[in-house]
Amino acid sequence: MLPIDAAAHGSRWRHRHPAEKALLGIGLTVTAICLPPWPGAPLVALAALAVLLGPAGVGGRQLWRAFRVPLGFCVTGALPLLVQLGGDTGWVSPAPGGPVQAGELLLRTSAASLGVLLLAFTTPVSDLLPRLVRAGVPAPVVDVALVMYRIGFLLLDTVSRVRQAQTARLGHSGRAAAWRSVAGLGATAFVRAFDRAGRLQAGLAGRGYDGTLRVLLPPATVSARFVGATLALLAALVAATLVLERFLP
């Protein structure tokens, strides 16, 4: 199990209805995208951090380990805005207004990523996906997502075990040995993926699979207080952004 999945299963908000947490997490994400990047994005990011580190009970080190991956994508996506190709100034030259645009994009995407992480850190996928059927998502689509979610963990476990066996047999003692180990690891994972899929299909057929995976969901009710607090937070962020935008440069 990945650390973020383990954190979601042990979250303080584990037994809250996923719709509440989706409203908060997706609401913060949409707010970060729609509001002006300054000062909207920093305000949304601060609000998301306050919720994550406060009521949600996510550890700071744990949050940083999960956040640094999307942050890397945010930085990578913002860097191309700093330069332009072609034109009168040469083949590659600084883009007019590039630093401002790159900074705005970085602020907006970073804040939006924190909103998504809020939902991921508090809502296990096994609680969220089955409820999507009630929201109108076709059942076969949800079933495929559930199966792929399960197979993904099985393959990660297989890769980890094979890599440990290779390391114990000095499979990474040199560059040539490391390349052979990587090739063997890829081939083994490819073969075992098909084997796992075949056994899963046989198991489902033996249990009378009729096109729908029926799972038990923990009981949960939507809290009117939580929804009201979420809407109040989003409204406060919008109002604060519109007010501060007039006074901040």
C-alpha atoms as a PDB file:
ATOM      1  CA  MET A   1       0.000   0.000   0.000  1.00  0.00           C
ATOM      2  CA  LEU A   2       1.282   3.438  -0.898  1.00  0.00           C
ATOM      3  CA  PRO A   3       1.871   5.890   1.980  1.00  0.00           C
ATOM      4  CA  ILE A   4      -0.908   8.214   0.800  1.00  0.00           C
ATOM      5  CA  ASP A   5      -3.386   5.305   0.730  1.00  0.00           C
ATOM      6  CA  ALA A   6      -2.323   4.219   4.211  1.00  0.00           C
ATOM      7  CA  ALA A   7      -2.795   7.793   5.414  1.00  0.00           C
ATOM      8  CA  ALA A   8      -6.280   7.928   3.862  1.00  0.00           C
ATOM      9  CA  HIS A   9      -7.329   4.716   5.614  1.00  0.00           C
ATOM     10  CA  GLY A  10      -6.056   6.048   8.950  1.00  0.00           C
ATOM     11  CA  SER A  11      -7.294   9.615   8.515  1.00  0.00           C
ATOM     12  CA  ARG A  12      -9.354  11.402  11.145  1.00  0.00           C
ATOM     13  CA  TRP A  13     -11.948  11.991   8.430  1.00  0.00           C
ATOM     14  CA  ARG A  14     -11.965   8.341   7.331  1.00  0.00           C
ATOM     15  CA  HIS A  15     -15.614   7.833   8.332  1.00  0.00           C
ATOM     16  CA  ARG A  16     -16.929  11.081   6.884  1.00  0.00           C
ATOM     17  CA  HIS A  17     -19.000  10.859   3.732  1.00  0.00           C
ATOM     18  CA  PRO A  18     -16.806  11.121   0.620  1.00  0.00           C
ATOM     19  CA  ALA A  19     -19.164  13.754  -0.821  1.00  0.00           C
ATOM     20  CA  GLU A  20     -18.235  16.145   1.987  1.00  0.00           C
ATOM     21  CA  LYS A  21     -14.511  15.728   1.416  1.00  0.00           C
ATOM     22  CA  ALA A  22     -14.959  15.912  -2.352  1.00  0.00           C
ATOM     23  CA  LEU A  23     -16.822  19.197  -1.963  1.00  0.00           C
ATOM     24  CA  LEU A  24     -13.975  20.622   0.109  1.00  0.00           C
ATOM     25  CA  GLY A  25     -11.044  19.262  -1.911  1.00  0.00           C
ATOM     26  CA  ILE A  26     -12.502  19.834  -5.375  1.00  0.00           C
ATOM     27  CA  GLY A  27     -13.927  23.160  -4.249  1.00  0.00           C
ATOM     28  CA  LEU A  28     -10.478  24.380  -3.231  1.00  0.00           C
ATOM     29  CA  THR A  29      -9.055  23.107  -6.522  1.00  0.00           C
ATOM     30  CA  VAL A  30     -11.680  24.871  -8.636  1.00  0.00           C
ATOM     31  CA  THR A  31     -11.284  28.037  -6.559  1.00  0.00           C
ATOM     32  CA  ALA A  32      -7.523  28.022  -7.131  1.00  0.00           C
ATOM     33  CA  ILE A  33      -8.072  27.646 -10.878  1.00  0.00           C
ATOM     34  CA  CYS A  34     -10.815  30.242 -11.262  1.00  0.00           C
ATOM     35  CA  LEU A  35      -9.597  33.002  -8.941  1.00  0.00           C
ATOM     36  CA  PRO A  36      -6.817  35.398  -9.949  1.00  0.00           C
ATOM     37  CA  PRO A  37      -3.439  33.776  -9.252  1.00  0.00           C
ATOM     38  CA  TRP A  38      -2.516  36.693  -7.003  1.00  0.00           C
ATOM     39  CA  PRO A  39      -3.623  36.806  -4.258  1.00  0.00           C
ATOM     40  CA  GLY A  40      -6.151  34.000  -4.833  1.00  0.00           C
ATOM     41  CA  ALA A  41      -3.766  31.063  -5.192  1.00  0.00           C
ATOM     42  CA  PRO A  42      -1.710  31.808  -2.035  1.00  0.00           C
ATOM     43  CA  LEU A  43      -4.911  32.191  -0.019  1.00  0.00           C
ATOM     44  CA  VAL A  44      -6.247  28.867  -1.290  1.00  0.00           C
ATOM     45  CA  ALA A  45      -2.912  27.179  -0.616  1.00  0.00           C
ATOM     46  CA  LEU A  46      -2.827  28.517   2.950  1.00  0.00           C
ATOM     47  CA  ALA A  47      -6.404  27.362   3.537  1.00  0.00           C
ATOM     48  CA  ALA A  48      -5.656  23.878   2.163  1.00  0.00           C
ATOM     49  CA  LEU A  49      -2.497  23.599   4.286  1.00  0.00           C
ATOM     50  CA  ALA A  50      -4.386  24.717   7.386  1.00  0.00           C
ATOM     51  CA  VAL A  51      -7.041  22.047   6.842  1.00  0.00           C
ATOM     52  CA  LEU A  52      -4.527  19.325   5.980  1.00  0.00           C
ATOM     53  CA  LEU A  53      -2.220  19.959   8.922  1.00  0.00           C
ATOM     54  CA  GLY A  54      -5.043  20.844  11.322  1.00  0.00           C
ATOM     55  CA  PRO A  55      -8.434  19.099  11.278  1.00  0.00           C
ATOM     56  CA  ALA A  56      -7.407  16.430   8.751  1.00  0.00           C
ATOM     57  CA  GLY A  57      -4.381  15.468  10.879  1.00  0.00           C
ATOM     58  CA  VAL A  58      -1.878  14.946   8.055  1.00  0.00           C
ATOM     59  CA  GLY A  59       1.767  15.038   9.124  1.00  0.00           C
ATOM     60  CA  GLY A  60       3.957  17.736   7.657  1.00  0.00           C
ATOM     61  CA  ARG A  61       6.683  15.345   6.470  1.00  0.00           C
ATOM     62  CA  GLN A  62       4.085  13.015   5.002  1.00  0.00           C
ATOM     63  CA  LEU A  63       2.435  15.885   3.156  1.00  0.00           C
ATOM     64  CA  TRP A  64       5.741  17.117   1.745  1.00  0.00           C
ATOM     65  CA  ARG A  65       6.658  13.668   0.423  1.00  0.00           C
ATOM     66  CA  ALA A  66       3.361  13.516  -1.452  1.00  0.00           C
ATOM     67  CA  PHE A  67       3.351  17.152  -2.554  1.00  0.00           C
ATOM     68  CA  ARG A  68       6.858  17.273  -4.008  1.00  0.00           C
ATOM     69  CA  VAL A  69       5.860  15.027  -6.930  1.00  0.00           C
ATOM     70  CA  PRO A  70       3.050  17.277  -8.286  1.00  0.00           C
ATOM     71  CA  LEU A  71       5.162  20.302  -7.367  1.00  0.00           C
ATOM     72  CA  GLY A  72       7.853  19.004  -9.710  1.00  0.00           C
ATOM     73  CA  PHE A  73       5.308  18.800 -12.521  1.00  0.00           C
ATOM     74  CA  CYS A  74       4.123  22.328 -11.702  1.00  0.00           C
ATOM     75  CA  VAL A  75       7.665  23.695 -11.915  1.00  0.00           C
ATOM     76  CA  THR A  76       8.351  21.759 -15.124  1.00  0.00           C
ATOM     77  CA  GLY A  77       5.187  23.137 -16.691  1.00  0.00           C
ATOM     78  CA  ALA A  78       6.036  26.719 -15.724  1.00  0.00           C
ATOM     79  CA  LEU A  79       9.643  26.761 -16.966  1.00  0.00           C
ATOM     80  CA  PRO A  80       8.792  26.799 -20.733  1.00  0.00           C
ATOM     81  CA  LEU A  81       6.963  30.104 -20.223  1.00  0.00           C
ATOM     82  CA  LEU A  82      10.272  31.783 -19.459  1.00  0.00           C
ATOM     83  CA  VAL A  83      11.595  31.468 -23.024  1.00  0.00           C
ATOM     84  CA  GLN A  84      10.362  31.873 -26.583  1.00  0.00           C
ATOM     85  CA  LEU A  85      11.565  30.207 -29.742  1.00  0.00           C
ATOM     86  CA  GLY A  86      12.287  32.183 -32.897  1.00  0.00           C
ATOM     87  CA  GLY A  87      11.619  35.836 -33.548  1.00  0.00           C
ATOM     88  CA  ASP A  88      13.872  38.819 -34.123  1.00  0.00           C
ATOM     89  CA  THR A  89      15.926  38.279 -30.969  1.00  0.00           C
ATOM     90  CA  GLY A  90      17.263  34.881 -31.973  1.00  0.00           C
ATOM     91  CA  TRP A  91      16.426  31.221 -31.917  1.00  0.00           C
ATOM     92  CA  VAL A  92      15.951  31.164 -28.118  1.00  0.00           C
ATOM     93  CA  SER A  93      15.327  34.288 -26.075  1.00  0.00           C
ATOM     94  CA  PRO A  94      13.581  35.337 -22.848  1.00  0.00           C
ATOM     95  CA  ALA A  95       9.821  35.587 -23.296  1.00  0.00           C
ATOM     96  CA  PRO A  96       8.211  38.983 -22.688  1.00  0.00           C
ATOM     97  CA  GLY A  97       6.392  38.733 -19.394  1.00  0.00           C
ATOM     98  CA  GLY A  98       7.591  35.166 -19.015  1.00  0.00           C
ATOM     99  CA  PRO A  99       8.544  35.313 -15.320  1.00  0.00           C
ATOM    100  CA  VAL A 100       5.157  36.776 -14.401  1.00  0.00           C
ATOM    101  CA  GLN A 101       3.237  34.163 -16.371  1.00  0.00           C
ATOM    102  CA  ALA A 102       5.404  31.344 -15.025  1.00  0.00           C
ATOM    103  CA  GLY A 103       4.943  32.545 -11.462  1.00  0.00           C
ATOM    104  CA  GLU A 104       1.178  32.819 -11.865  1.00  0.00           C
ATOM    105  CA  LEU A 105       0.955  29.337 -13.358  1.00  0.00           C
ATOM    106  CA  LEU A 106       3.129  27.894 -10.587  1.00  0.00           C
ATOM    107  CA  LEU A 107       1.005  29.521  -7.876  1.00  0.00           C
ATOM    108  CA  ARG A 108      -2.253  28.376  -9.412  1.00  0.00           C
ATOM    109  CA  THR A 109      -1.226  24.766 -10.090  1.00  0.00           C
ATOM    110  CA  SER A 110       0.454  24.353  -6.691  1.00  0.00           C
ATOM    111  CA  ALA A 111      -2.640  25.527  -4.851  1.00  0.00           C
ATOM    112  CA  ALA A 112      -4.864  23.303  -6.993  1.00  0.00           C
ATOM    113  CA  SER A 113      -2.603  20.319  -6.244  1.00  0.00           C
ATOM    114  CA  LEU A 114      -3.042  20.864  -2.518  1.00  0.00           C
ATOM    115  CA  GLY A 115      -6.807  20.700  -2.975  1.00  0.00           C
ATOM    116  CA  VAL A 116      -6.498  17.357  -4.749  1.00  0.00           C
ATOM    117  CA  LEU A 117      -4.137  16.067  -2.045  1.00  0.00           C
ATOM    118  CA  LEU A 118      -6.690  17.023   0.596  1.00  0.00           C
ATOM    119  CA  LEU A 119      -9.179  14.649  -0.991  1.00  0.00           C
ATOM    120  CA  ALA A 120      -6.535  11.940  -1.512  1.00  0.00           C
ATOM    121  CA  PHE A 121      -5.246  12.076   2.072  1.00  0.00           C
ATOM    122  CA  THR A 122      -8.715  11.782   3.622  1.00  0.00           C
ATOM    123  CA  THR A 123     -10.654   9.514   1.230  1.00  0.00           C
ATOM    124  CA  PRO A 124      -9.598   5.965   0.323  1.00  0.00           C
ATOM    125  CA  VAL A 125     -10.189   5.034  -3.296  1.00  0.00           C
ATOM    126  CA  SER A 126     -12.158   1.997  -2.169  1.00  0.00           C
ATOM    127  CA  ASP A 127     -14.690   4.344  -0.527  1.00  0.00           C
ATOM    128  CA  LEU A 128     -14.883   6.810  -3.384  1.00  0.00           C
ATOM    129  CA  LEU A 129     -15.116   4.687  -6.525  1.00  0.00           C
ATOM    130  CA  PRO A 130     -18.182   2.539  -5.639  1.00  0.00           C
ATOM    131  CA  ARG A 131     -20.188   5.652  -4.818  1.00  0.00           C
ATOM    132  CA  LEU A 132     -19.538   7.071  -8.280  1.00  0.00           C
ATOM    133  CA  VAL A 133     -22.162   4.679  -9.649  1.00  0.00           C
ATOM    134  CA  ARG A 134     -24.816   6.540  -7.670  1.00  0.00           C
ATOM    135  CA  ALA A 135     -23.493   9.777  -9.147  1.00  0.00           C
ATOM    136  CA  GLY A 136     -24.206   8.535 -12.669  1.00  0.00           C
ATOM    137  CA  VAL A 137     -20.868   7.043 -13.694  1.00  0.00           C
ATOM    138  CA  PRO A 138     -21.433   3.792 -15.665  1.00  0.00           C
ATOM    139  CA  ALA A 139     -20.881   0.713 -13.513  1.00  0.00           C
ATOM    140  CA  PRO A 140     -18.450  -0.972 -15.976  1.00  0.00           C
ATOM    141  CA  VAL A 141     -16.192   2.087 -15.843  1.00  0.00           C
ATOM    142  CA  VAL A 142     -16.123   1.959 -12.039  1.00  0.00           C
ATOM    143  CA  ASP A 143     -15.488  -1.799 -12.097  1.00  0.00           C
ATOM    144  CA  VAL A 144     -12.502  -1.393 -14.413  1.00  0.00           C
ATOM    145  CA  ALA A 145     -11.104   1.353 -12.174  1.00  0.00           C
ATOM    146  CA  LEU A 146     -11.474  -0.853  -9.083  1.00  0.00           C
ATOM    147  CA  VAL A 147      -9.786  -3.789 -10.786  1.00  0.00           C
ATOM    148  CA  MET A 148      -6.910  -1.656 -12.082  1.00  0.00           C
ATOM    149  CA  TYR A 149      -6.506  -0.136  -8.618  1.00  0.00           C
ATOM    150  CA  ARG A 150      -6.137  -3.616  -7.149  1.00  0.00           C
ATOM    151  CA  ILE A 151      -3.831  -4.902  -9.877  1.00  0.00           C
ATOM    152  CA  GLY A 152      -1.640  -1.837  -9.519  1.00  0.00           C
ATOM    153  CA  PHE A 153      -0.852  -2.699  -5.910  1.00  0.00           C
ATOM    154  CA  LEU A 154      -0.235  -6.333  -6.793  1.00  0.00           C
ATOM    155  CA  LEU A 155       2.247  -5.340  -9.494  1.00  0.00           C
ATOM    156  CA  LEU A 156       4.019  -2.906  -7.179  1.00  0.00           C
ATOM    157  CA  ASP A 157       4.380  -5.718  -4.652  1.00  0.00           C
ATOM    158  CA  THR A 158       5.708  -8.039  -7.365  1.00  0.00           C
ATOM    159  CA  VAL A 159       8.256  -5.477  -8.547  1.00  0.00           C
ATOM    160  CA  SER A 160       9.408  -4.907  -4.964  1.00  0.00           C
ATOM    161  CA  ARG A 161       9.865  -8.631  -4.289  1.00  0.00           C
ATOM    162  CA  VAL A 162      11.724  -9.253  -7.554  1.00  0.00           C
ATOM    163  CA  ARG A 163      14.009  -6.289  -6.939  1.00  0.00           C
ATOM    164  CA  GLN A 164      14.807  -7.524  -3.428  1.00  0.00           C
ATOM    165  CA  ALA A 165      15.645 -10.975  -4.810  1.00  0.00           C
ATOM    166  CA  GLN A 166      17.893  -9.445  -7.460  1.00  0.00           C
ATOM    167  CA  THR A 167      19.681  -7.309  -4.880  1.00  0.00           C
ATOM    168  CA  ALA A 168      20.240 -10.333  -2.632  1.00  0.00           C
ATOM    169  CA  ARG A 169      21.860 -12.116  -5.595  1.00  0.00           C
ATOM    170  CA  LEU A 170      24.151  -9.135  -6.354  1.00  0.00           C
ATOM    171  CA  GLY A 171      22.060  -8.202  -9.362  1.00  0.00           C
ATOM    172  CA  HIS A 172      22.964  -4.531  -8.942  1.00  0.00           C
ATOM    173  CA  SER A 173      26.651  -4.881  -8.164  1.00  0.00           C
ATOM    174  CA  GLY A 174      27.728  -3.285 -11.437  1.00  0.00           C
ATOM    175  CA  ARG A 175      26.387  -1.334 -14.383  1.00  0.00           C
ATOM    176  CA  ALA A 176      26.068  -4.356 -16.665  1.00  0.00           C
ATOM    177  CA  ALA A 177      24.443  -6.421 -13.925  1.00  0.00           C
ATOM    178  CA  ALA A 178      22.057  -3.587 -13.128  1.00  0.00           C
ATOM    179  CA  TRP A 179      20.930  -3.342 -16.773  1.00  0.00           C
ATOM    180  CA  ARG A 180      20.357  -7.102 -16.887  1.00  0.00           C
ATOM    181  CA  SER A 181      18.364  -6.906 -13.667  1.00  0.00           C
ATOM    182  CA  VAL A 182      16.216  -4.078 -14.991  1.00  0.00           C
ATOM    183  CA  ALA A 183      15.482  -6.043 -18.164  1.00  0.00           C
ATOM    184  CA  GLY A 184      14.618  -9.130 -16.156  1.00  0.00           C
ATOM    185  CA  LEU A 185      12.443  -7.104 -13.810  1.00  0.00           C
ATOM    186  CA  GLY A 186      10.464  -5.645 -16.706  1.00  0.00           C
ATOM    187  CA  ALA A 187       9.980  -9.045 -18.330  1.00  0.00           C
ATOM    188  CA  THR A 188       8.881 -10.647 -15.065  1.00  0.00           C
ATOM    189  CA  ALA A 189       6.417  -7.863 -14.276  1.00  0.00           C
ATOM    190  CA  PHE A 190       4.971  -8.079 -17.813  1.00  0.00           C
ATOM    191  CA  VAL A 191       4.430 -11.848 -17.595  1.00  0.00           C
ATOM    192  CA  ARG A 192       2.999 -11.740 -14.088  1.00  0.00           C
ATOM    193  CA  ALA A 193       0.600  -8.943 -15.043  1.00  0.00           C
ATOM    194  CA  PHE A 194      -1.029 -11.186 -17.619  1.00  0.00           C
ATOM    195  CA  ASP A 195      -1.012 -14.088 -15.161  1.00  0.00           C
ATOM    196  CA  ARG A 196      -2.706 -11.968 -12.474  1.00  0.00           C
ATOM    197  CA  ALA A 197      -5.313 -10.711 -14.951  1.00  0.00           C
ATOM    198  CA  GLY A 198      -6.093 -14.262 -16.081  1.00  0.00           C
ATOM    199  CA  ARG A 199      -6.474 -15.548 -12.534  1.00  0.00           C
ATOM    200  CA  LEU A 200      -8.637 -12.553 -11.641  1.00  0.00           C
ATOM    201  CA  GLN A 201     -10.923 -13.183 -14.601  1.00  0.00           C
ATOM    202  CA  ALA A 202     -11.216 -16.873 -13.676  1.00  0.00           C
ATOM    203  CA  GLY A 203     -11.979 -15.986 -10.078  1.00  0.00           C
ATOM    204  CA  LEU A 204     -14.700 -13.526 -11.037  1.00  0.00           C
ATOM    205  CA  ALA A 205     -16.251 -16.024 -13.439  1.00  0.00           C
ATOM    206  CA  GLY A 206     -16.272 -18.680 -10.718  1.00  0.00           C
ATOM    207  CA  ARG A 207     -18.122 -16.306  -8.409  1.00  0.00           C
ATOM    208  CA  GLY A 208     -20.879 -15.566 -10.896  1.00  0.00           C
ATOM    209  CA  TYR A 209     -19.666 -12.171 -12.117  1.00  0.00           C
ATOM    210  CA  ASP A 210     -22.526 -10.546 -14.047  1.00  0.00           C
ATOM    211  CA  GLY A 211     -20.872  -7.285 -15.027  1.00  0.00           C
ATOM    212  CA  THR A 212     -21.058  -5.475 -11.667  1.00  0.00           C
ATOM    213  CA  LEU A 213     -18.728  -5.686  -8.686  1.00  0.00           C
ATOM    214  CA  ARG A 214     -20.802  -5.376  -5.534  1.00  0.00           C
ATOM    215  CA  VAL A 215     -18.891  -4.180  -2.494  1.00  0.00           C
ATOM    216  CA  LEU A 216     -19.916  -3.298   1.051  1.00  0.00           C
ATOM    217  CA  LEU A 217     -19.547   0.376   1.904  1.00  0.00           C
ATOM    218  CA  PRO A 218     -19.175   1.738   5.439  1.00  0.00           C
ATOM    219  CA  PRO A 219     -22.262   3.705   6.539  1.00  0.00           C
ATOM    220  CA  ALA A 220     -21.840   7.457   6.302  1.00  0.00           C
ATOM    221  CA  THR A 221     -24.172  10.432   6.310  1.00  0.00           C
ATOM    222  CA  VAL A 222     -23.601  13.907   4.936  1.00  0.00           C
ATOM    223  CA  SER A 223     -23.043  16.444   7.698  1.00  0.00           C
ATOM    224  CA  ALA A 224     -24.877  19.715   7.142  1.00  0.00           C
ATOM    225  CA  ARG A 225     -22.423  21.493   9.465  1.00  0.00           C
ATOM    226  CA  PHE A 226     -19.415  20.269   7.468  1.00  0.00           C
ATOM    227  CA  VAL A 227     -21.001  21.279   4.171  1.00  0.00           C
ATOM    228  CA  GLY A 228     -21.936  24.684   5.568  1.00  0.00           C
ATOM    229  CA  ALA A 229     -18.408  25.251   6.891  1.00  0.00           C
ATOM    230  CA  THR A 230     -16.971  24.243   3.511  1.00  0.00           C
ATOM    231  CA  LEU A 231     -19.196  26.653   1.609  1.00  0.00           C
ATOM    232  CA  ALA A 232     -18.375  29.405   4.100  1.00  0.00           C
ATOM    233  CA  LEU A 233     -14.638  28.781   3.639  1.00  0.00           C
ATOM    234  CA  LEU A 234     -14.887  28.895  -0.152  1.00  0.00           C
ATOM    235  CA  ALA A 235     -17.001  32.061  -0.027  1.00  0.00           C
ATOM    236  CA  ALA A 236     -14.503  33.672   2.358  1.00  0.00           C
ATOM    237  CA  LEU A 237     -11.626  32.847   0.020  1.00  0.00           C
ATOM    238  CA  VAL A 238     -13.451  34.391  -2.934  1.00  0.00           C
ATOM    239  CA  ALA A 239     -14.362  37.516  -0.965  1.00  0.00           C
ATOM    240  CA  ALA A 240     -10.862  37.937   0.476  1.00  0.00           C
ATOM    241  CA  THR A 241      -9.314  37.578  -2.969  1.00  0.00           C
ATOM    242  CA  LEU A 242     -11.594  40.178  -4.528  1.00  0.00           C
ATOM    243  CA  VAL A 243     -10.950  42.621  -1.679  1.00  0.00           C
ATOM    244  CA  LEU A 244      -7.174  42.153  -1.505  1.00  0.00           C
ATOM    245  CA  GLU A 245      -6.879  42.369  -5.289  1.00  0.00           C
ATOM    246  CA  ARG A 246      -7.802  46.053  -5.078  1.00  0.00           C
ATOM    247  CA  PHE A 247      -5.101  46.917  -2.545  1.00  0.00           C
ATOM    248  CA  LEU A 248      -2.225  44.588  -3.432  1.00  0.00           C
ATOM    249  CA  PRO A 249      -0.045  45.354  -6.487  1.00  0.00           C
END
